[in-house]
N, C-alpha and C. Protein backbone atom coordinates (compact mmCIF):
# COMPACT_ATOMS: atom_id res chain seq x y z
N MET A 1 10.69 178.34 132.32
CA MET A 1 10.66 177.99 130.92
C MET A 1 9.39 177.18 130.67
N PRO A 2 8.65 177.55 129.63
CA PRO A 2 7.39 176.84 129.38
C PRO A 2 7.63 175.40 128.91
N ALA A 3 6.68 174.55 129.17
CA ALA A 3 6.79 173.13 128.84
C ALA A 3 6.85 172.91 127.33
N TRP A 4 6.09 173.69 126.57
CA TRP A 4 6.08 173.50 125.12
C TRP A 4 7.45 173.80 124.51
N PHE A 5 8.23 174.76 125.11
CA PHE A 5 9.56 175.09 124.62
C PHE A 5 10.54 173.95 124.88
N GLU A 6 10.45 173.35 126.09
CA GLU A 6 11.32 172.21 126.43
C GLU A 6 11.03 171.02 125.51
N ILE A 7 9.76 170.78 125.23
CA ILE A 7 9.39 169.66 124.35
C ILE A 7 9.87 169.92 122.93
N SER A 8 9.75 171.16 122.46
CA SER A 8 10.21 171.45 121.10
C SER A 8 11.73 171.35 120.99
N VAL A 9 12.47 171.74 122.04
CA VAL A 9 13.93 171.60 122.02
C VAL A 9 14.31 170.12 122.00
N ILE A 10 13.61 169.31 122.79
CA ILE A 10 13.89 167.86 122.82
C ILE A 10 13.58 167.24 121.47
N VAL A 11 12.49 167.62 120.83
CA VAL A 11 12.11 167.07 119.53
C VAL A 11 13.14 167.48 118.48
N VAL A 12 13.56 168.74 118.49
CA VAL A 12 14.56 169.21 117.53
C VAL A 12 15.88 168.46 117.73
N CYS A 13 16.30 168.25 118.98
CA CYS A 13 17.54 167.50 119.26
C CYS A 13 17.41 166.04 118.81
N ALA A 14 16.25 165.43 119.01
CA ALA A 14 16.04 164.05 118.57
C ALA A 14 16.10 163.95 117.05
N ILE A 15 15.48 164.90 116.35
CA ILE A 15 15.53 164.89 114.89
C ILE A 15 16.96 165.10 114.41
N GLY A 16 17.68 166.00 115.04
CA GLY A 16 19.09 166.23 114.69
C GLY A 16 19.94 164.98 114.93
N ALA A 17 19.67 164.27 116.04
CA ALA A 17 20.42 163.04 116.32
C ALA A 17 20.15 161.98 115.27
N VAL A 18 18.90 161.87 114.83
CA VAL A 18 18.55 160.90 113.78
C VAL A 18 19.31 161.21 112.50
N PHE A 19 19.32 162.48 112.10
CA PHE A 19 20.05 162.86 110.88
C PHE A 19 21.56 162.65 111.04
N PHE A 20 22.09 162.96 112.24
CA PHE A 20 23.52 162.77 112.48
C PHE A 20 23.91 161.30 112.35
N PHE A 21 23.15 160.40 112.99
CA PHE A 21 23.49 158.98 112.93
C PHE A 21 23.27 158.40 111.52
N ALA A 22 22.29 158.93 110.79
CA ALA A 22 22.09 158.48 109.41
C ALA A 22 23.28 158.88 108.56
N LYS A 23 23.74 160.11 108.72
CA LYS A 23 24.91 160.56 107.96
C LYS A 23 26.15 159.78 108.38
N TYR A 24 26.27 159.47 109.67
CA TYR A 24 27.41 158.69 110.17
C TYR A 24 27.42 157.29 109.53
N ARG A 25 26.27 156.65 109.48
CA ARG A 25 26.19 155.30 108.87
C ARG A 25 26.53 155.36 107.38
N GLU A 26 26.04 156.40 106.70
CA GLU A 26 26.32 156.55 105.28
C GLU A 26 27.82 156.75 105.04
N THR A 27 28.45 157.58 105.87
CA THR A 27 29.89 157.82 105.74
C THR A 27 30.69 156.56 106.05
N ALA A 28 30.28 155.83 107.09
CA ALA A 28 30.98 154.59 107.43
C ALA A 28 30.86 153.57 106.31
N ALA A 29 29.69 153.47 105.68
CA ALA A 29 29.51 152.54 104.57
C ALA A 29 30.36 152.96 103.38
N ALA A 30 30.43 154.26 103.11
CA ALA A 30 31.26 154.74 101.99
C ALA A 30 32.73 154.46 102.25
N LEU A 31 33.20 154.65 103.47
CA LEU A 31 34.60 154.34 103.80
C LEU A 31 34.89 152.85 103.67
N HIS A 32 33.95 152.03 104.10
CA HIS A 32 34.12 150.58 103.97
C HIS A 32 34.20 150.18 102.51
N GLU A 33 33.32 150.73 101.68
CA GLU A 33 33.34 150.43 100.24
C GLU A 33 34.63 150.93 99.60
N SER A 34 35.10 152.08 100.02
CA SER A 34 36.35 152.63 99.50
C SER A 34 37.53 151.71 99.82
N GLU A 35 37.59 151.21 101.04
CA GLU A 35 38.66 150.28 101.43
C GLU A 35 38.57 148.99 100.62
N ARG A 36 37.34 148.50 100.39
CA ARG A 36 37.17 147.26 99.63
C ARG A 36 37.65 147.45 98.19
N ILE A 37 37.28 148.56 97.57
CA ILE A 37 37.69 148.83 96.20
C ILE A 37 39.20 149.04 96.13
N LYS A 38 39.77 149.73 97.12
CA LYS A 38 41.21 149.95 97.14
C LYS A 38 41.96 148.62 97.22
N THR A 39 41.48 147.70 98.04
CA THR A 39 42.10 146.38 98.15
C THR A 39 41.99 145.62 96.83
N ARG A 40 40.81 145.68 96.22
CA ARG A 40 40.62 144.97 94.94
C ARG A 40 41.52 145.54 93.85
N LEU A 41 41.59 146.85 93.75
CA LEU A 41 42.45 147.46 92.74
C LEU A 41 43.92 147.20 93.01
N SER A 42 44.29 147.16 94.27
CA SER A 42 45.67 146.84 94.62
C SER A 42 46.01 145.42 94.19
N ASN A 43 45.08 144.50 94.40
CA ASN A 43 45.31 143.12 93.95
C ASN A 43 45.41 143.05 92.44
N ASP A 44 44.56 143.83 91.74
CA ASP A 44 44.63 143.86 90.27
C ASP A 44 45.97 144.41 89.80
N LEU A 45 46.45 145.46 90.46
CA LEU A 45 47.74 146.02 90.07
C LEU A 45 48.87 145.04 90.33
N ASN A 46 48.80 144.29 91.41
CA ASN A 46 49.82 143.28 91.68
C ASN A 46 49.79 142.19 90.61
N ARG A 47 48.58 141.86 90.16
CA ARG A 47 48.46 140.82 89.14
C ARG A 47 49.05 141.27 87.82
N TYR A 48 48.90 142.55 87.49
CA TYR A 48 49.35 143.06 86.21
C TYR A 48 50.62 143.89 86.30
N ARG A 49 51.45 143.63 87.29
CA ARG A 49 52.67 144.44 87.43
C ARG A 49 53.69 144.15 86.35
N ASP A 50 53.55 143.04 85.65
CA ASP A 50 54.47 142.72 84.57
C ASP A 50 54.04 143.31 83.23
N VAL A 51 52.96 144.07 83.19
CA VAL A 51 52.46 144.61 81.93
C VAL A 51 53.50 145.46 81.20
N PRO A 52 54.26 146.35 81.86
CA PRO A 52 55.27 147.09 81.11
C PRO A 52 56.32 146.18 80.47
N ARG A 53 56.69 145.11 81.15
CA ARG A 53 57.67 144.18 80.58
C ARG A 53 57.06 143.41 79.41
N LEU A 54 55.78 143.05 79.55
CA LEU A 54 55.12 142.37 78.43
C LEU A 54 54.98 143.30 77.23
N ARG A 55 54.72 144.58 77.50
CA ARG A 55 54.64 145.54 76.39
C ARG A 55 56.01 145.70 75.73
N ALA A 56 57.08 145.70 76.55
CA ALA A 56 58.43 145.79 75.99
C ALA A 56 58.72 144.57 75.13
N LEU A 57 58.30 143.39 75.58
CA LEU A 57 58.49 142.17 74.79
C LEU A 57 57.70 142.26 73.49
N ARG A 58 56.45 142.70 73.58
CA ARG A 58 55.62 142.84 72.38
C ARG A 58 56.24 143.82 71.39
N ASP A 59 56.70 144.97 71.90
CA ASP A 59 57.30 145.97 71.03
C ASP A 59 58.59 145.47 70.40
N ALA A 60 59.35 144.66 71.16
CA ALA A 60 60.60 144.13 70.62
C ALA A 60 60.33 143.11 69.53
N VAL A 61 59.33 142.27 69.74
CA VAL A 61 59.04 141.22 68.76
C VAL A 61 58.31 141.79 67.54
N LEU A 62 57.37 142.71 67.75
CA LEU A 62 56.57 143.23 66.65
C LEU A 62 57.04 144.58 66.13
N GLY A 63 58.08 145.12 66.74
CA GLY A 63 58.53 146.46 66.38
C GLY A 63 59.19 146.52 65.02
N SER A 64 59.43 147.74 64.58
CA SER A 64 60.04 147.94 63.26
C SER A 64 61.54 147.72 63.29
N LYS A 65 62.16 147.89 64.46
CA LYS A 65 63.61 147.66 64.56
C LYS A 65 63.87 146.18 64.75
N PRO A 66 64.76 145.60 63.97
CA PRO A 66 65.03 144.17 64.12
C PRO A 66 65.83 143.88 65.39
N LEU A 67 65.61 142.68 65.93
CA LEU A 67 66.38 142.23 67.08
C LEU A 67 67.74 141.73 66.61
N PRO A 68 68.74 141.70 67.48
CA PRO A 68 70.04 141.14 67.09
C PRO A 68 69.90 139.67 66.72
N THR A 69 70.52 139.28 65.61
CA THR A 69 70.44 137.88 65.15
C THR A 69 71.84 137.27 65.16
N ASP A 70 71.86 135.94 65.32
CA ASP A 70 73.14 135.23 65.26
C ASP A 70 73.30 134.61 63.87
N ASP A 71 74.33 133.79 63.69
CA ASP A 71 74.62 133.19 62.38
C ASP A 71 73.56 132.18 61.96
N ASN A 72 72.81 131.61 62.91
CA ASN A 72 71.79 130.62 62.59
C ASN A 72 70.43 131.24 62.28
N GLY A 73 70.31 132.57 62.37
CA GLY A 73 69.05 133.24 62.10
C GLY A 73 68.17 133.40 63.33
N ASN A 74 68.67 133.01 64.51
CA ASN A 74 67.90 133.18 65.75
C ASN A 74 68.04 134.62 66.25
N GLU A 75 66.93 135.17 66.74
CA GLU A 75 66.95 136.52 67.30
C GLU A 75 67.09 136.41 68.82
N HIS A 76 67.81 137.36 69.40
CA HIS A 76 68.09 137.31 70.84
C HIS A 76 67.51 138.54 71.51
N LEU A 77 66.91 138.31 72.70
CA LEU A 77 66.29 139.39 73.46
C LEU A 77 66.57 139.16 74.94
N LEU A 78 67.00 140.21 75.64
CA LEU A 78 67.19 140.15 77.09
C LEU A 78 66.02 140.88 77.73
N LEU A 79 65.38 140.22 78.71
CA LEU A 79 64.19 140.78 79.34
C LEU A 79 64.23 140.49 80.83
N ARG A 80 63.82 141.46 81.64
CA ARG A 80 63.77 141.28 83.09
C ARG A 80 62.35 140.92 83.51
N ASP A 81 62.23 140.02 84.51
CA ASP A 81 60.92 139.66 85.04
C ASP A 81 60.60 140.53 86.25
N ALA A 82 59.52 140.19 86.98
CA ALA A 82 59.08 141.01 88.10
C ALA A 82 60.11 141.05 89.23
N ASP A 83 60.92 140.02 89.36
CA ASP A 83 61.96 139.98 90.39
C ASP A 83 63.27 140.56 89.91
N LEU A 84 63.23 141.22 88.74
CA LEU A 84 64.40 141.85 88.11
C LEU A 84 65.48 140.83 87.76
N GLN A 85 65.10 139.59 87.55
CA GLN A 85 66.02 138.57 87.07
C GLN A 85 66.09 138.69 85.54
N LEU A 86 67.29 138.62 85.02
CA LEU A 86 67.50 138.78 83.58
C LEU A 86 67.30 137.44 82.88
N HIS A 87 66.51 137.43 81.81
CA HIS A 87 66.25 136.22 81.03
C HIS A 87 66.67 136.46 79.59
N HIS A 88 67.28 135.44 79.01
CA HIS A 88 67.73 135.50 77.62
C HIS A 88 66.74 134.69 76.79
N LEU A 89 66.04 135.36 75.88
CA LEU A 89 65.09 134.70 75.01
C LEU A 89 65.69 134.55 73.62
N VAL A 90 65.55 133.36 73.08
CA VAL A 90 66.00 133.09 71.71
C VAL A 90 64.76 132.85 70.87
N LEU A 91 64.57 133.68 69.84
CA LEU A 91 63.40 133.61 68.99
C LEU A 91 63.79 133.25 67.57
N ARG A 92 62.92 132.52 66.92
CA ARG A 92 63.14 132.21 65.51
C ARG A 92 61.84 132.52 64.78
N ARG A 93 61.93 133.38 63.78
CA ARG A 93 60.74 133.76 63.01
C ARG A 93 60.68 132.93 61.74
N GLU A 94 59.52 132.38 61.53
CA GLU A 94 59.28 131.63 60.30
C GLU A 94 57.92 132.04 59.76
N ALA A 95 57.85 132.24 58.47
CA ALA A 95 56.57 132.59 57.84
C ALA A 95 56.30 131.59 56.73
N THR A 96 55.11 131.00 56.80
CA THR A 96 54.70 130.02 55.81
C THR A 96 53.29 130.37 55.34
N PRO A 97 53.06 130.45 54.02
CA PRO A 97 51.70 130.74 53.56
C PRO A 97 50.75 129.60 53.93
N VAL A 98 49.52 129.96 54.27
CA VAL A 98 48.53 128.98 54.72
C VAL A 98 47.38 128.97 53.74
N GLY A 99 46.99 127.77 53.33
CA GLY A 99 45.83 127.62 52.46
C GLY A 99 44.57 127.47 53.27
N ASP A 100 43.41 127.49 52.58
CA ASP A 100 42.13 127.39 53.28
C ASP A 100 41.90 126.02 53.89
N ASP A 101 42.41 124.96 53.25
CA ASP A 101 42.14 123.61 53.73
C ASP A 101 43.27 123.04 54.59
N ASP A 102 44.28 123.83 54.92
CA ASP A 102 45.39 123.35 55.74
C ASP A 102 45.01 123.34 57.22
N ASN A 103 45.50 122.32 57.93
CA ASN A 103 45.34 122.26 59.38
C ASN A 103 46.61 122.80 60.01
N ILE A 104 46.49 123.90 60.72
CA ILE A 104 47.63 124.54 61.35
C ILE A 104 47.68 124.11 62.81
N THR A 105 48.85 123.67 63.26
CA THR A 105 49.02 123.24 64.64
C THR A 105 50.20 123.98 65.26
N TYR A 106 50.20 124.02 66.58
CA TYR A 106 51.33 124.55 67.33
C TYR A 106 51.59 123.62 68.51
N THR A 107 52.74 123.74 69.11
CA THR A 107 53.12 122.86 70.21
C THR A 107 52.81 123.53 71.54
N LYS A 108 52.03 122.83 72.36
CA LYS A 108 51.70 123.32 73.70
C LYS A 108 51.88 122.16 74.67
N ASN A 109 52.77 122.35 75.64
CA ASN A 109 53.10 121.31 76.63
C ASN A 109 53.53 120.01 75.94
N GLY A 110 54.24 120.14 74.86
CA GLY A 110 54.76 118.97 74.16
C GLY A 110 53.76 118.27 73.27
N GLU A 111 52.54 118.78 73.13
CA GLU A 111 51.51 118.16 72.29
C GLU A 111 51.13 119.11 71.16
N GLN A 112 50.78 118.55 70.03
CA GLN A 112 50.33 119.34 68.90
C GLN A 112 48.87 119.73 69.11
N VAL A 113 48.58 121.03 69.02
CA VAL A 113 47.22 121.55 69.22
C VAL A 113 46.82 122.28 67.94
N LYS A 114 45.58 122.05 67.49
CA LYS A 114 45.08 122.70 66.29
C LYS A 114 44.77 124.16 66.56
N LEU A 115 45.17 125.04 65.68
CA LEU A 115 44.95 126.48 65.80
C LEU A 115 43.51 126.79 65.41
N GLU A 116 42.74 127.36 66.34
CA GLU A 116 41.32 127.63 66.10
C GLU A 116 41.06 129.05 65.64
N GLU A 117 42.04 129.96 65.73
CA GLU A 117 41.81 131.37 65.41
C GLU A 117 41.52 131.62 63.93
N LEU A 118 41.92 130.70 63.07
CA LEU A 118 41.73 130.90 61.64
C LEU A 118 40.32 130.55 61.18
N LYS A 119 39.51 129.99 62.01
CA LYS A 119 38.15 129.59 61.63
C LYS A 119 37.24 130.79 61.60
């Protein structure tokens, strides 16, 4: 076998090995990125697993069908949390017209807080 043929076979194998290892590194990096994104999305889904229940609460409170009311005018809603524990919510709706110069407050942690959304 001539020397030039052996050298050309070695060069072709070396070039093939370079391309193989480059593709291997690219695939390994893509798999690593895929695992990272999968973990992040899984954490996001765990964080927002209560979204269907929150949507049910929103639809119940803002929906067109009224909630059951008692003699005092309080509305009652049964809702399950992420642990499937049943919670009884008592709601009272009040509507008061607001003027431009009125200061509107709500109670948060036992303190009166000024409502900033109207500005």
